[in-house]
Structure formats: structure tokens, C-alpha cells
Amino acid sequence: MTPSDNRRWLLRGVTSQGKRFRPSDWCERLAGVMSGFRPGGAAHTMGYSPWCIPTTRDGDACVIVDPALRAHEPMAWDFVVGFARDNDLQVELLDE
């Protein structure tokens, strides 16, 4: 699934077959790769991008992805979307 509207989406660490995605720290790794993409460019301090935030939901490792990433850096957006697709991860649109 590629989110097509302007809502944030939840990339869940569970495949479409219901299997838990490994390694268990995948969400921190993905968010770490994306940490340089943020409003105003790279920061002088370490921290996650506000557009790609690791979290947990219902005991599953997840990443919340903000559509602002697509506008700021389309290649980074494509990377996250491709990661979800290539690893067959569940994607949910958020109502928030």
C-alpha cells in the first residue's frame, strides 16, 4: 500500500502474513537512517526526524511516517515506501 492522501501512516512490524518482522530493532534502524531528514535540514544534535518516528502499537514495533517527508525529500519517501513494500509490512493510515 502506498498512502495517497496527506494523513500520517503507521508502518507496522508485522508482515501481511501476520509474521513479526525481524530484526526486533528494525524501527529504530529505519528511523535512524531517516534522522537527517527534518525541517530546516540536518540538525547539530542527534535525534529522530519528526517525519519518521519509531514507536510501538499493540506490542508491535512501528514507525509513524509523516507525508511532509514526501514534500521535503521525495527520494527518502520512496525509500520508506519501498522498504514497506519489499518487506511486505502492514501499513495503516492514521486518523490523527
N, C-alpha and C. Protein backbone atom coordinates (compact mmCIF):
# COMPACT_ATOMS: atom_id res chain seq x y z
N MET A 1 0.85 -1.19 0.00
CA MET A 1 0.00 0.00 0.00
C MET A 1 0.88 1.24 0.00
N THR A 2 0.59 2.16 -0.84
CA THR A 2 1.26 3.46 -0.83
C THR A 2 0.23 4.50 -0.44
N PRO A 3 0.39 5.09 0.75
CA PRO A 3 -0.58 6.10 1.16
C PRO A 3 -0.67 7.22 0.14
N SER A 4 -1.90 7.58 -0.22
CA SER A 4 -2.09 8.55 -1.28
C SER A 4 -2.64 9.88 -0.79
N ASP A 5 -3.01 9.96 0.49
CA ASP A 5 -3.51 11.24 0.96
C ASP A 5 -2.49 11.87 1.91
N ASN A 6 -2.88 12.92 2.60
CA ASN A 6 -1.95 13.66 3.43
C ASN A 6 -2.01 13.28 4.90
N ARG A 7 -2.50 12.09 5.20
CA ARG A 7 -2.50 11.63 6.59
C ARG A 7 -1.20 10.91 6.90
N ARG A 8 -0.82 10.95 8.17
CA ARG A 8 0.33 10.15 8.59
C ARG A 8 -0.04 8.68 8.50
N TRP A 9 0.97 7.84 8.39
CA TRP A 9 0.70 6.42 8.33
C TRP A 9 1.61 5.65 9.26
N LEU A 10 1.13 4.50 9.66
CA LEU A 10 1.83 3.64 10.59
C LEU A 10 2.37 2.44 9.83
N LEU A 11 3.67 2.30 9.87
CA LEU A 11 4.34 1.16 9.27
C LEU A 11 4.55 0.15 10.41
N ARG A 12 3.80 -0.94 10.38
CA ARG A 12 3.79 -1.91 11.47
C ARG A 12 4.77 -3.04 11.19
N GLY A 13 5.50 -3.48 12.20
CA GLY A 13 6.50 -4.53 12.06
C GLY A 13 5.90 -5.93 12.01
N VAL A 14 4.86 -6.06 11.21
CA VAL A 14 4.18 -7.34 11.01
C VAL A 14 3.92 -7.46 9.51
N THR A 15 4.23 -8.63 8.94
CA THR A 15 4.01 -8.81 7.51
C THR A 15 2.52 -9.02 7.23
N SER A 16 2.18 -8.98 5.96
CA SER A 16 0.78 -9.21 5.59
C SER A 16 0.34 -10.63 5.93
N GLN A 17 1.31 -11.53 6.16
CA GLN A 17 1.02 -12.91 6.56
C GLN A 17 0.89 -13.04 8.07
N GLY A 18 1.08 -11.92 8.81
CA GLY A 18 0.96 -11.93 10.26
C GLY A 18 2.23 -12.31 11.00
N LYS A 19 3.35 -12.41 10.31
CA LYS A 19 4.62 -12.76 10.95
C LYS A 19 5.33 -11.49 11.43
N ARG A 20 5.94 -11.58 12.61
CA ARG A 20 6.69 -10.45 13.16
C ARG A 20 7.96 -10.23 12.34
N PHE A 21 8.20 -8.97 11.97
CA PHE A 21 9.37 -8.62 11.16
C PHE A 21 10.61 -8.57 12.05
N ARG A 22 11.70 -9.08 11.54
CA ARG A 22 12.98 -9.11 12.25
C ARG A 22 14.03 -8.35 11.45
N PRO A 23 15.03 -7.76 12.07
CA PRO A 23 15.37 -7.85 13.48
C PRO A 23 14.42 -7.02 14.33
N SER A 24 14.44 -7.27 15.62
CA SER A 24 13.48 -6.62 16.50
C SER A 24 13.68 -5.11 16.59
N ASP A 25 14.87 -4.61 16.28
CA ASP A 25 15.12 -3.16 16.34
C ASP A 25 15.03 -2.49 14.97
N TRP A 26 14.29 -3.10 14.05
CA TRP A 26 14.20 -2.57 12.69
C TRP A 26 13.68 -1.13 12.67
N CYS A 27 12.72 -0.82 13.56
CA CYS A 27 12.12 0.52 13.51
C CYS A 27 13.12 1.60 13.94
N GLU A 28 13.96 1.31 14.93
CA GLU A 28 14.99 2.26 15.32
C GLU A 28 16.04 2.42 14.22
N ARG A 29 16.36 1.32 13.55
CA ARG A 29 17.32 1.38 12.45
C ARG A 29 16.78 2.23 11.30
N LEU A 30 15.53 1.99 10.91
CA LEU A 30 14.93 2.76 9.82
C LEU A 30 14.84 4.24 10.19
N ALA A 31 14.36 4.52 11.39
CA ALA A 31 14.25 5.92 11.83
C ALA A 31 15.63 6.57 11.93
N GLY A 32 16.64 5.80 12.31
CA GLY A 32 18.00 6.33 12.37
C GLY A 32 18.51 6.73 11.00
N VAL A 33 18.24 5.91 10.00
CA VAL A 33 18.63 6.23 8.63
C VAL A 33 17.95 7.51 8.17
N MET A 34 16.71 7.70 8.58
CA MET A 34 15.92 8.85 8.15
C MET A 34 16.13 10.08 9.03
N SER A 35 16.96 10.00 10.08
CA SER A 35 17.09 11.08 11.06
C SER A 35 17.59 12.40 10.47
N GLY A 36 18.32 12.35 9.39
CA GLY A 36 18.82 13.59 8.79
C GLY A 36 17.79 14.38 8.01
N PHE A 37 16.64 13.77 7.77
CA PHE A 37 15.59 14.46 7.01
C PHE A 37 14.62 15.11 8.00
N ARG A 38 14.69 16.43 8.05
CA ARG A 38 13.89 17.17 9.02
C ARG A 38 13.69 18.60 8.53
N PRO A 39 12.72 19.29 9.09
CA PRO A 39 12.53 20.69 8.69
C PRO A 39 13.82 21.48 8.94
N GLY A 40 14.23 22.26 7.98
CA GLY A 40 15.43 23.07 8.13
C GLY A 40 16.72 22.34 7.84
N GLY A 41 16.65 21.09 7.44
CA GLY A 41 17.86 20.32 7.12
C GLY A 41 18.43 19.60 8.33
N ALA A 42 19.64 19.13 8.19
CA ALA A 42 20.28 18.35 9.24
C ALA A 42 20.48 19.18 10.51
N ALA A 43 20.29 18.54 11.64
CA ALA A 43 20.46 19.21 12.93
C ALA A 43 21.86 18.97 13.46
N HIS A 44 22.28 19.77 14.42
CA HIS A 44 23.59 19.60 15.05
C HIS A 44 23.53 18.62 16.21
N THR A 45 22.36 18.18 16.55
CA THR A 45 22.21 17.20 17.62
C THR A 45 21.55 15.95 17.05
N MET A 46 21.80 14.83 17.70
CA MET A 46 21.19 13.57 17.26
C MET A 46 19.74 13.52 17.70
N GLY A 47 18.92 12.98 16.88
CA GLY A 47 17.51 12.80 17.20
C GLY A 47 16.78 12.29 15.97
N TYR A 48 15.63 11.72 16.21
CA TYR A 48 14.83 11.22 15.10
C TYR A 48 14.17 12.37 14.34
N SER A 49 13.95 12.15 13.08
CA SER A 49 13.22 13.10 12.27
C SER A 49 11.77 13.13 12.74
N PRO A 50 11.13 14.29 12.75
CA PRO A 50 9.71 14.35 13.10
C PRO A 50 8.83 13.71 12.03
N TRP A 51 9.44 13.32 10.92
CA TRP A 51 8.69 12.73 9.81
C TRP A 51 8.80 11.20 9.77
N CYS A 52 9.59 10.63 10.68
CA CYS A 52 9.79 9.18 10.70
C CYS A 52 10.15 8.77 12.14
N ILE A 53 9.13 8.45 12.93
CA ILE A 53 9.29 8.27 14.37
C ILE A 53 9.03 6.82 14.78
N PRO A 54 10.00 6.18 15.45
CA PRO A 54 9.75 4.82 15.94
C PRO A 54 8.81 4.84 17.14
N THR A 55 7.99 3.82 17.24
CA THR A 55 7.03 3.71 18.34
C THR A 55 6.59 2.26 18.46
N THR A 56 5.70 1.99 19.38
CA THR A 56 5.08 0.67 19.46
C THR A 56 3.57 0.86 19.49
N ARG A 57 2.88 -0.08 18.92
CA ARG A 57 1.41 -0.11 18.94
C ARG A 57 0.98 -1.55 19.15
N ASP A 58 0.17 -1.77 20.15
CA ASP A 58 -0.33 -3.11 20.44
C ASP A 58 0.80 -4.13 20.54
N GLY A 59 1.94 -3.72 21.08
CA GLY A 59 3.08 -4.60 21.25
C GLY A 59 3.94 -4.80 20.01
N ASP A 60 3.58 -4.16 18.91
CA ASP A 60 4.34 -4.28 17.67
C ASP A 60 5.27 -3.07 17.49
N ALA A 61 6.50 -3.33 17.03
CA ALA A 61 7.40 -2.25 16.66
C ALA A 61 6.84 -1.58 15.42
N CYS A 62 6.83 -0.24 15.41
CA CYS A 62 6.22 0.52 14.31
C CYS A 62 7.02 1.78 14.04
N VAL A 63 6.75 2.37 12.90
CA VAL A 63 7.28 3.69 12.57
C VAL A 63 6.12 4.53 12.06
N ILE A 64 5.98 5.73 12.61
CA ILE A 64 4.98 6.68 12.12
C ILE A 64 5.67 7.54 11.07
N VAL A 65 5.08 7.58 9.88
CA VAL A 65 5.66 8.32 8.76
C VAL A 65 4.74 9.48 8.41
N ASP A 66 5.30 10.67 8.38
CA ASP A 66 4.53 11.87 8.08
C ASP A 66 4.68 12.19 6.59
N PRO A 67 3.58 12.57 5.91
CA PRO A 67 3.67 12.86 4.48
C PRO A 67 4.53 14.08 4.15
N ALA A 68 4.89 14.88 5.15
CA ALA A 68 5.79 16.01 4.89
C ALA A 68 7.14 15.52 4.37
N LEU A 69 7.50 14.28 4.70
CA LEU A 69 8.74 13.71 4.19
C LEU A 69 8.73 13.67 2.67
N ARG A 70 7.59 13.32 2.09
CA ARG A 70 7.47 13.25 0.63
C ARG A 70 7.73 14.61 0.00
N ALA A 71 7.19 15.66 0.57
CA ALA A 71 7.37 17.00 0.02
C ALA A 71 8.81 17.49 0.19
N HIS A 72 9.41 17.17 1.33
CA HIS A 72 10.76 17.65 1.62
C HIS A 72 11.83 16.88 0.85
N GLU A 73 11.69 15.55 0.82
CA GLU A 73 12.70 14.71 0.18
C GLU A 73 12.05 13.48 -0.45
N PRO A 74 11.61 13.61 -1.70
CA PRO A 74 10.91 12.52 -2.37
C PRO A 74 11.69 11.20 -2.41
N MET A 75 13.02 11.26 -2.53
CA MET A 75 13.80 10.02 -2.57
C MET A 75 13.77 9.31 -1.23
N ALA A 76 13.78 10.05 -0.13
CA ALA A 76 13.68 9.44 1.20
C ALA A 76 12.30 8.81 1.37
N TRP A 77 11.27 9.51 0.90
CA TRP A 77 9.90 8.96 0.93
C TRP A 77 9.84 7.65 0.15
N ASP A 78 10.39 7.65 -1.05
CA ASP A 78 10.40 6.45 -1.88
C ASP A 78 11.13 5.31 -1.18
N PHE A 79 12.20 5.63 -0.46
CA PHE A 79 12.95 4.62 0.27
C PHE A 79 12.06 3.96 1.34
N VAL A 80 11.34 4.76 2.11
CA VAL A 80 10.48 4.22 3.17
C VAL A 80 9.34 3.40 2.57
N VAL A 81 8.71 3.92 1.53
CA VAL A 81 7.63 3.19 0.86
C VAL A 81 8.16 1.87 0.29
N GLY A 82 9.33 1.92 -0.33
CA GLY A 82 9.93 0.71 -0.88
C GLY A 82 10.29 -0.29 0.21
N PHE A 83 10.77 0.20 1.35
CA PHE A 83 11.09 -0.67 2.48
C PHE A 83 9.84 -1.42 2.94
N ALA A 84 8.74 -0.69 3.06
CA ALA A 84 7.48 -1.32 3.48
C ALA A 84 7.02 -2.36 2.45
N ARG A 85 7.08 -2.00 1.20
CA ARG A 85 6.65 -2.91 0.13
C ARG A 85 7.55 -4.13 0.03
N ASP A 86 8.86 -3.92 0.01
CA ASP A 86 9.81 -5.01 -0.17
C ASP A 86 9.77 -6.02 0.99
N ASN A 87 9.42 -5.53 2.17
CA ASN A 87 9.37 -6.40 3.34
C ASN A 87 7.95 -6.84 3.69
N ASP A 88 6.98 -6.49 2.82
CA ASP A 88 5.60 -6.92 2.95
C ASP A 88 5.00 -6.53 4.31
N LEU A 89 5.32 -5.31 4.77
CA LEU A 89 4.85 -4.85 6.08
C LEU A 89 3.46 -4.25 5.99
N GLN A 90 2.73 -4.38 7.08
CA GLN A 90 1.40 -3.78 7.16
C GLN A 90 1.53 -2.27 7.27
N VAL A 91 0.67 -1.56 6.55
CA VAL A 91 0.65 -0.10 6.58
C VAL A 91 -0.78 0.33 6.90
N GLU A 92 -0.91 1.24 7.86
CA GLU A 92 -2.23 1.73 8.25
C GLU A 92 -2.23 3.25 8.20
N LEU A 93 -3.27 3.83 7.66
CA LEU A 93 -3.43 5.29 7.71
C LEU A 93 -3.90 5.68 9.10
N LEU A 94 -3.38 6.76 9.61
CA LEU A 94 -3.75 7.24 10.94
C LEU A 94 -4.79 8.34 10.84
N ASP A 95 -5.72 8.37 11.77
CA ASP A 95 -6.77 9.39 11.80
C ASP A 95 -6.31 10.66 12.49
N GLU A 96 -5.18 10.60 13.16
CA GLU A 96 -4.69 11.70 13.98
C GLU A 96 -4.47 12.95 13.18
